[in-house]
Structure formats: structure tokens, C-alpha cells
Protein backbone atom coordinates (compact mmCIF):
# COMPACT_ATOMS: atom_id res chain seq x y z
CA MET A 1 0.00 0.00 0.00
CA THR A 2 1.29 3.46 -0.89
CA HIS A 3 1.45 5.65 2.19
CA PRO A 4 -0.13 9.12 1.88
CA GLY A 5 1.74 12.32 2.54
CA ILE A 6 1.24 14.74 5.42
CA GLY A 7 -0.98 17.81 5.39
CA VAL A 8 -0.82 20.98 7.46
CA GLY A 9 -3.60 22.10 9.77
CA THR A 10 -4.07 25.77 10.63
CA TRP A 11 -6.61 25.58 13.46
CA ALA A 12 -4.19 27.26 15.88
CA TRP A 13 -3.62 30.26 13.61
CA GLY A 14 -5.93 32.78 15.27
CA ASN A 15 -7.21 30.56 18.11
CA GLN A 16 -6.65 32.25 21.47
CA PHE A 17 -8.88 29.96 23.53
CA LEU A 18 -7.12 26.66 22.98
CA TRP A 19 -3.78 27.57 21.47
CA GLY A 20 -2.96 31.00 22.93
CA TYR A 21 -2.65 32.79 19.60
CA ALA A 22 -1.39 36.40 19.53
CA PRO A 23 -0.64 38.55 16.44
CA GLY A 24 2.99 38.72 17.49
CA GLN A 25 3.29 35.05 16.48
CA ASP A 26 2.53 35.76 12.82
CA GLY A 27 6.19 35.99 11.79
CA GLU A 28 6.99 32.62 13.31
CA ILE A 29 3.87 31.11 11.75
CA GLU A 30 4.94 32.38 8.32
CA SER A 31 8.40 30.87 8.84
CA THR A 32 6.67 27.61 9.74
CA PHE A 33 4.57 27.78 6.57
CA ARG A 34 7.65 28.36 4.43
CA ALA A 35 9.53 25.50 6.09
CA ALA A 36 6.59 23.18 5.43
CA VAL A 37 6.40 24.19 1.76
CA ALA A 38 10.17 23.86 1.34
CA GLY A 39 9.96 20.37 2.84
CA GLY A 40 7.38 19.25 0.31
CA LEU A 41 4.14 19.56 2.31
CA ARG A 42 1.41 20.60 -0.11
CA LEU A 43 -2.05 20.34 1.48
CA PHE A 44 -2.96 23.24 3.78
CA ASP A 45 -6.29 22.89 5.56
CA THR A 46 -8.22 25.76 7.13
CA ALA A 47 -11.84 26.74 7.86
CA ASP A 48 -14.05 29.81 7.88
CA SER A 49 -14.77 29.23 11.59
CA TYR A 50 -11.11 29.12 12.62
CA GLY A 51 -10.08 32.04 14.81
CA THR A 52 -11.62 33.08 18.12
CA GLY A 53 -13.17 36.42 19.06
CA ARG A 54 -11.77 39.32 17.10
CA PHE A 55 -9.50 36.92 15.23
CA GLN A 56 -12.39 35.19 13.46
CA GLY A 57 -11.21 34.26 9.96
CA ARG A 58 -7.57 34.90 10.83
CA SER A 59 -6.44 31.42 9.81
CA GLU A 60 -7.73 31.86 6.26
CA SER A 61 -6.32 35.40 6.02
CA LEU A 62 -2.85 34.34 7.15
CA LEU A 63 -2.81 31.34 4.83
CA GLY A 64 -3.89 33.55 1.93
CA GLN A 65 -1.16 36.10 2.67
CA PHE A 66 1.56 33.48 3.04
CA ALA A 67 0.57 31.63 -0.13
CA ALA A 68 0.44 34.85 -2.16
CA ALA A 69 4.01 35.68 -1.13
CA LEU A 70 5.43 32.41 -2.46
CA PRO A 71 7.20 32.13 -5.80
CA ALA A 72 4.68 31.20 -8.49
CA ALA A 73 6.05 27.66 -8.94
CA ASP A 74 5.66 26.87 -5.23
CA ARG A 75 2.26 28.51 -5.05
CA HIS A 76 0.86 26.43 -7.90
CA ARG A 77 1.90 23.19 -6.20
CA LEU A 78 -0.22 23.87 -3.12
CA CYS A 79 -3.66 22.51 -2.41
CA VAL A 80 -5.50 25.14 -0.37
CA ALA A 81 -8.51 23.53 1.30
CA THR A 82 -11.07 25.25 3.47
CA LYS A 83 -14.10 24.03 5.38
CA LEU A 84 -17.41 25.90 5.53
CA ALA A 85 -19.47 25.53 8.69
CA PRO A 86 -23.13 24.46 8.38
CA PHE A 87 -24.31 26.97 10.97
CA PRO A 88 -28.09 26.85 11.63
CA TRP A 89 -28.68 30.06 9.68
CA ARG A 90 -26.98 28.72 6.55
CA LEU A 91 -29.90 27.13 4.81
CA GLY A 92 -30.82 25.89 1.38
CA ARG A 93 -28.88 25.26 -1.79
CA GLY A 94 -27.34 28.74 -1.69
CA GLY A 95 -26.77 28.71 2.06
CA LEU A 96 -22.96 28.52 1.80
CA ARG A 97 -22.44 30.75 -1.24
CA ARG A 98 -21.76 33.94 0.74
CA ALA A 99 -19.47 32.04 3.10
CA PHE A 100 -17.57 30.62 0.14
CA ALA A 101 -17.11 34.09 -1.36
CA ALA A 102 -15.88 35.48 1.98
CA SER A 103 -13.42 32.61 2.41
CA ARG A 104 -12.13 33.09 -1.11
CA ARG A 105 -11.50 36.78 -0.39
CA ARG A 106 -9.61 35.98 2.79
CA LEU A 107 -7.59 33.35 0.94
CA GLY A 108 -6.56 35.81 -1.75
CA GLY A 109 -8.84 34.32 -4.39
CA ARG A 110 -7.42 30.82 -3.99
CA ILE A 111 -9.51 27.79 -2.93
CA ASP A 112 -8.65 24.42 -4.45
CA ARG A 113 -10.95 22.28 -2.32
CA VAL A 114 -14.11 23.28 -0.47
CA GLN A 115 -15.35 21.03 2.33
CA LEU A 116 -18.46 20.82 4.49
CA HIS A 117 -17.06 21.23 7.99
CA TRP A 118 -19.32 18.73 9.71
CA SER A 119 -22.38 16.59 9.16
CA THR A 120 -25.79 17.79 10.35
CA ALA A 121 -27.31 14.32 9.94
CA ARG A 122 -27.67 13.77 13.68
CA TYR A 123 -29.50 16.96 14.58
CA ALA A 124 -30.79 18.60 11.35
CA PRO A 125 -30.78 15.99 8.60
CA TRP A 126 -32.92 18.19 6.36
CA GLN A 127 -30.20 20.87 6.31
CA GLU A 128 -27.27 18.91 4.95
CA GLN A 129 -28.32 17.76 1.49
CA PRO A 130 -29.21 21.23 0.11
CA LEU A 131 -25.88 22.58 1.40
CA LEU A 132 -23.98 19.74 -0.28
CA ASP A 133 -25.96 20.34 -3.49
CA GLY A 134 -24.84 23.96 -3.34
CA LEU A 135 -21.19 23.02 -2.88
CA ALA A 136 -21.50 20.58 -5.79
CA ASP A 137 -22.88 23.50 -7.85
CA LEU A 138 -19.64 25.38 -7.16
CA VAL A 139 -17.64 22.46 -8.55
CA ALA A 140 -19.96 22.03 -11.54
CA GLY A 141 -19.70 25.74 -12.28
CA GLY A 142 -15.90 25.72 -12.20
CA GLU A 143 -15.62 27.96 -9.14
CA VAL A 144 -13.63 25.38 -7.19
CA ALA A 145 -11.90 22.21 -8.36
CA GLU A 146 -12.67 19.74 -5.57
CA LEU A 147 -15.29 18.92 -2.95
CA GLY A 148 -14.72 17.23 0.39
CA VAL A 149 -16.71 16.42 3.53
CA SER A 150 -15.93 15.95 7.20
CA ASN A 151 -17.17 13.96 10.18
CA MET A 152 -19.18 11.34 8.32
CA GLY A 153 -19.39 7.64 9.03
CA PRO A 154 -19.55 4.84 6.45
CA ARG A 155 -23.31 4.88 5.89
CA ARG A 156 -23.58 8.63 5.35
CA LEU A 157 -20.42 8.69 3.25
CA ARG A 158 -21.78 6.06 0.88
CA ARG A 159 -24.96 8.03 0.36
CA VAL A 160 -23.16 11.33 -0.27
CA HIS A 161 -20.68 9.63 -2.60
CA ALA A 162 -23.52 8.08 -4.62
CA ASP A 163 -25.48 11.36 -4.80
CA LEU A 164 -22.47 13.22 -6.14
CA ALA A 165 -21.59 10.44 -8.56
CA ARG A 166 -25.04 10.76 -10.13
CA ARG A 167 -24.12 14.36 -10.93
CA GLY A 168 -20.74 13.32 -12.28
CA ILE A 169 -18.89 14.95 -9.39
CA ARG A 170 -16.07 13.17 -7.58
CA LEU A 171 -15.95 13.27 -3.79
CA ALA A 172 -12.30 14.13 -3.18
CA SER A 173 -11.87 13.63 0.55
CA LEU A 174 -13.28 12.91 3.97
CA GLN A 175 -11.89 14.28 7.23
CA VAL A 176 -12.43 12.41 10.49
CA GLN A 177 -10.77 12.38 13.87
CA LEU A 178 -8.18 9.60 13.71
CA SER A 179 -5.25 8.98 16.00
CA LEU A 180 -3.86 6.37 18.34
CA LEU A 181 -6.22 7.90 20.94
CA ALA A 182 -9.15 7.85 18.50
CA PRO A 183 -8.69 4.59 16.56
CA GLU A 184 -12.37 3.81 15.88
CA PRO A 185 -12.11 4.44 12.09
CA ILE A 186 -9.68 1.52 11.66
CA ARG A 187 -12.23 -1.05 12.87
CA PRO A 188 -13.32 -3.61 10.24
CA GLY A 189 -16.07 -2.16 8.09
CA ASP A 190 -15.51 1.37 9.36
CA ILE A 191 -14.38 4.48 7.54
CA VAL A 192 -10.81 3.47 6.63
CA GLU A 193 -12.11 0.51 4.64
CA THR A 194 -15.00 2.49 3.18
CA CYS A 195 -12.75 5.28 1.89
CA ARG A 196 -10.39 2.75 0.35
CA GLU A 197 -13.31 1.03 -1.39
CA LEU A 198 -14.82 4.27 -2.72
CA GLY A 199 -11.52 5.90 -3.70
CA VAL A 200 -12.03 8.82 -1.32
CA GLU A 201 -8.91 10.37 0.21
CA LEU A 202 -9.01 10.01 3.99
CA LEU A 203 -7.69 12.92 6.04
CA ALA A 204 -6.96 12.39 9.75
CA TYR A 205 -7.45 15.46 11.91
CA SER A 206 -6.03 15.71 15.45
CA PRO A 207 -3.48 12.96 14.67
CA LEU A 208 -1.46 14.01 17.73
CA ALA A 209 -4.52 14.18 20.03
CA LEU A 210 -4.01 17.89 20.79
CA GLY A 211 -0.33 17.18 21.45
CA LEU A 212 -0.69 14.34 23.96
CA LEU A 213 0.91 11.89 21.51
CA ALA A 214 3.91 14.18 21.00
CA ARG A 215 4.97 14.30 24.66
CA PRO A 216 7.43 11.71 25.95
CA PRO A 217 6.28 9.47 28.83
CA GLY A 218 6.43 11.30 32.13
CA ASP A 219 6.63 14.73 30.52
CA GLY A 220 3.69 15.93 32.58
CA ARG A 221 1.46 18.89 31.81
CA THR A 222 4.01 21.72 31.91
CA GLY A 223 2.85 24.79 30.04
CA LEU A 224 -0.65 23.50 29.41
CA THR A 225 -3.73 25.56 30.18
CA GLY A 226 -7.49 25.28 29.91
CA PRO A 227 -9.14 22.32 28.17
CA ARG A 228 -5.86 20.75 27.08
CA ARG A 229 -4.64 20.57 30.68
CA LEU A 230 -7.87 18.89 31.74
CA LEU A 231 -7.71 16.44 28.85
CA PHE A 232 -4.10 15.52 29.54
CA ALA A 233 -4.92 15.02 33.22
CA ARG A 234 -7.77 12.65 32.33
CA LEU A 235 -6.02 10.60 29.64
CA GLY A 236 -2.38 10.83 30.70
CA PRO A 237 -2.22 8.00 33.25
CA GLY A 238 -3.81 5.46 30.90
CA VAL A 239 -1.60 6.13 27.87
CA SER A 240 1.75 5.31 29.48
CA PRO A 241 2.09 1.83 27.85
CA LEU A 242 1.26 3.30 24.45
CA LEU A 243 3.70 6.19 24.84
CA ALA A 244 6.43 3.81 25.98
CA ALA A 245 5.96 1.67 22.87
CA MET A 246 5.93 4.78 20.69
CA ALA A 247 9.15 5.96 22.34
CA ALA A 248 10.87 2.66 21.58
CA ILE A 249 9.82 2.86 17.93
CA ALA A 250 10.93 6.48 17.74
CA THR A 251 14.36 5.55 19.09
CA ALA A 252 14.69 2.71 16.61
CA HIS A 253 14.01 5.07 13.71
CA GLY A 254 15.88 8.06 15.09
CA ALA A 255 12.61 9.96 15.00
CA SER A 256 10.29 11.95 17.22
CA LEU A 257 7.26 10.68 19.09
CA ALA A 258 5.08 12.86 16.87
CA ALA A 259 6.52 11.19 13.77
CA VAL A 260 5.44 7.79 15.10
CA ALA A 261 1.88 9.04 15.60
CA LEU A 262 1.79 10.57 12.12
CA ASN A 263 3.20 7.46 10.48
CA TRP A 264 0.62 5.29 12.23
CA CYS A 265 -2.10 7.27 10.42
CA ARG A 266 -0.22 6.95 7.14
CA ALA A 267 0.17 3.20 7.66
CA HIS A 268 -3.64 2.97 7.71
CA GLY A 269 -3.96 4.89 4.44
CA ALA A 270 -4.87 8.27 5.97
CA MET A 271 -3.13 11.59 5.42
CA PRO A 272 -2.57 13.16 8.86
CA ILE A 273 -3.38 16.86 9.04
CA VAL A 274 -0.95 18.07 11.67
CA GLY A 275 -1.16 21.49 13.26
CA LEU A 276 2.07 23.46 12.85
CA ARG A 277 2.99 26.70 14.62
CA ARG A 278 6.78 26.57 14.85
CA PRO A 279 9.49 25.83 12.27
CA ALA A 280 10.80 22.93 14.37
CA GLN A 281 7.37 21.31 14.16
CA ALA A 282 7.40 21.68 10.38
CA ALA A 283 10.85 20.09 10.23
CA ALA A 284 9.66 17.16 12.35
CA ALA A 285 6.63 16.63 10.08
CA VAL A 286 8.81 16.68 6.98
CA ALA A 287 11.25 14.22 8.58
CA ALA A 288 8.38 11.81 9.23
CA LEU A 289 7.97 11.38 5.48
CA ALA A 290 11.39 9.74 5.24
CA TRP A 291 10.39 6.47 6.91
CA GLN A 292 7.44 4.17 7.60
CA LEU A 293 6.32 1.83 10.35
CA SER A 294 6.92 -1.84 9.83
CA ASP A 295 3.87 -4.09 9.78
CA ALA A 296 4.85 -5.46 13.18
CA GLU A 297 5.19 -1.97 14.66
CA ARG A 298 1.81 -0.96 13.28
CA ARG A 299 0.11 -4.07 14.64
CA GLU A 300 1.58 -3.52 18.11
CA LEU A 301 0.41 0.10 18.15
CA ASP A 302 -3.03 -1.03 16.94
CA ARG A 303 -3.23 -3.48 19.83
CA LEU A 304 -2.24 -0.89 22.42
CA ALA A 305 -4.60 1.72 20.99
CA ARG A 306 -7.56 -0.66 21.17
CA ALA A 307 -6.70 -1.57 24.77
CA LEU A 308 -6.70 2.01 26.10
CA PRO A 309 -9.09 2.61 29.01
CA ALA A 310 -10.15 5.97 27.53
CA GLY A 311 -9.53 7.99 24.40
CA MET A 312 -10.27 11.32 22.81
CA PRO A 313 -13.83 12.64 23.11
CA ALA A 314 -15.86 11.79 20.01
CA ASN A 315 -16.95 14.63 17.78
CA PRO A 316 -20.65 15.20 18.59
CA PHE A 317 -21.35 16.00 14.93
CA GLN A 318 -19.91 12.74 13.60
CA SER A 319 -22.59 10.88 11.66
CA ASP A 320 -22.97 7.13 11.31
């Protein structure tokens, strides 16, 4: 099986609440972006809802600025993907058109893939299909090249895939939470197998479980605040065997703990979308592309992941 590459997530760019963003970080974030591009990372994923408070939309704006400043050859190799949120007031076939136009402005006129940010099937099933029809209209009209979805299970994915196929539109990708602390998609018959069968690119968000899978065993919760500190306190004690196995694999490959977590996703056919804020993080992500887990290493990590007493909270918008 060919292992996918690694994509870049930009959730933290503009997020004060969870990631402590401040405008003074923009220079370092741009250096991180350039290091990622120089290292061969091509997919950059953002969303119109990224950015908290007065920084709403900041992630898209920064990505647009950084991409526009690249040499033309590098810029053309990127895949700029954004997600549009199905907020309750975004209704009907044209319900996301204004949001799409606003995102395109913030991104400097460049969107290669538009994605529905989450499924409404669990709480407003009547809302989702018209919104997807409207996004498909954008593809059919040549306003964007590719269409993706997020937070859908196998049953919903099959239906959406079939609906689009009837219009002659390819479903490019699906994003779901997937990591060693959220391994549900690798179960037999679940989304990993379904995406492989349908030819849909699988994107794994939160592959490092908000950073928990990048911290060596016994590293503690130094520097953590808010929800991340609470999450680490809840999950930390139970993940020690997993982290110890990851550390042994990392040592064997001369790699980082984060690289092991990313390569576990890749070994299951998913492209991990890893959040990057510092150049050293970009360098570590690029270095992870240079090697792969052995089958035995992957199986051992699978076993430990399935045996965990607790994992990441499930996304409440994930459909079946």
C-alpha cells in the first residue's frame, strides 16, 4: 500500500482559547509555513470558523497572505482547502455561497478544495443535502476544483458519494478524527475501509490528540492551560504503555514521538493533518515522510490503541 503524505492544519492560527494565539506570532507562523512548503508539504487545511473572538477568519487570512508571497512555482503546487461551517442560519442550496465568497477573499482568491465542515445528519438531517448540493454546484460551475466532507461515518459517506456520482462529481476527501487515541475508524467495516473502497482520500485530523501523543512518557502537563490541561490530566495516566511503545519505535528510527503518531495514520492509508505553529514542528513533520512503520510496529500500536481505558472525546457532529 502506498502511504499518503502529510498535510498541514491551521486551526491554531488565530485561536486564542485553545492555542494561545497572539498577532505577534505571525512571523513565526509564516516561517513555519515556508519550512513546510520547502519540505514538500502541499495540502494546507483551514476553515471559515477558525479564529476566536476578534480573530475570526484569521487562519484563512494568514494562509492567503503566506501563499500569495510564495514564488509562483511553489504557489501552484499547493492545495489550499477550506471548510465551511453548516451553521443553523446557513440554509438551502445557496446557504454557503456567501461564506464561500468570503473565504475566497480571505484566501486571496485561492480555494482548491471546499469542504463541508461537519455533518448535520444527527440533529438537522434536512439541512445537509441542500448545502452539499450547493457546494456541488460550485464544482460544476468551475468555481472550485474539488469537494470534500468531514465527520461522516460509512453509511452517510456512501450516500453522499452516490449522490455526487449521479451528478458526475467526484468526492475528493473525507476528514475524520483519527489517532492512536481515537482509533475507531480503523475497525473492520468502518471508515478506513470504506474510503479505500470508494476511492475517497481520507484525512486524519487531530493525529497528535491535541499534542498528547507528541509528549514523551512522564513529561507531565508543563505549560498547558485550559481544556488541554484537563484532557491531559484525564487521559495521561492510561496512555503510558502506548507512549512507551511509541518511544521505543521512535528511538529505533531516530525519530520523534510525533513522527510515530503521524506514520501510524499513514500506515492505515490516511493523510494526517498536523497542526504546525513553529518551524521545528514543520521540520519534524517533513522528517516523518522519510520512513514508515513496519507491519509489526503498526500491529503492536493497533493493539495498544484498542486496549486504552479511555480515548479522545468523540466529535458530537460525527454521523454514522
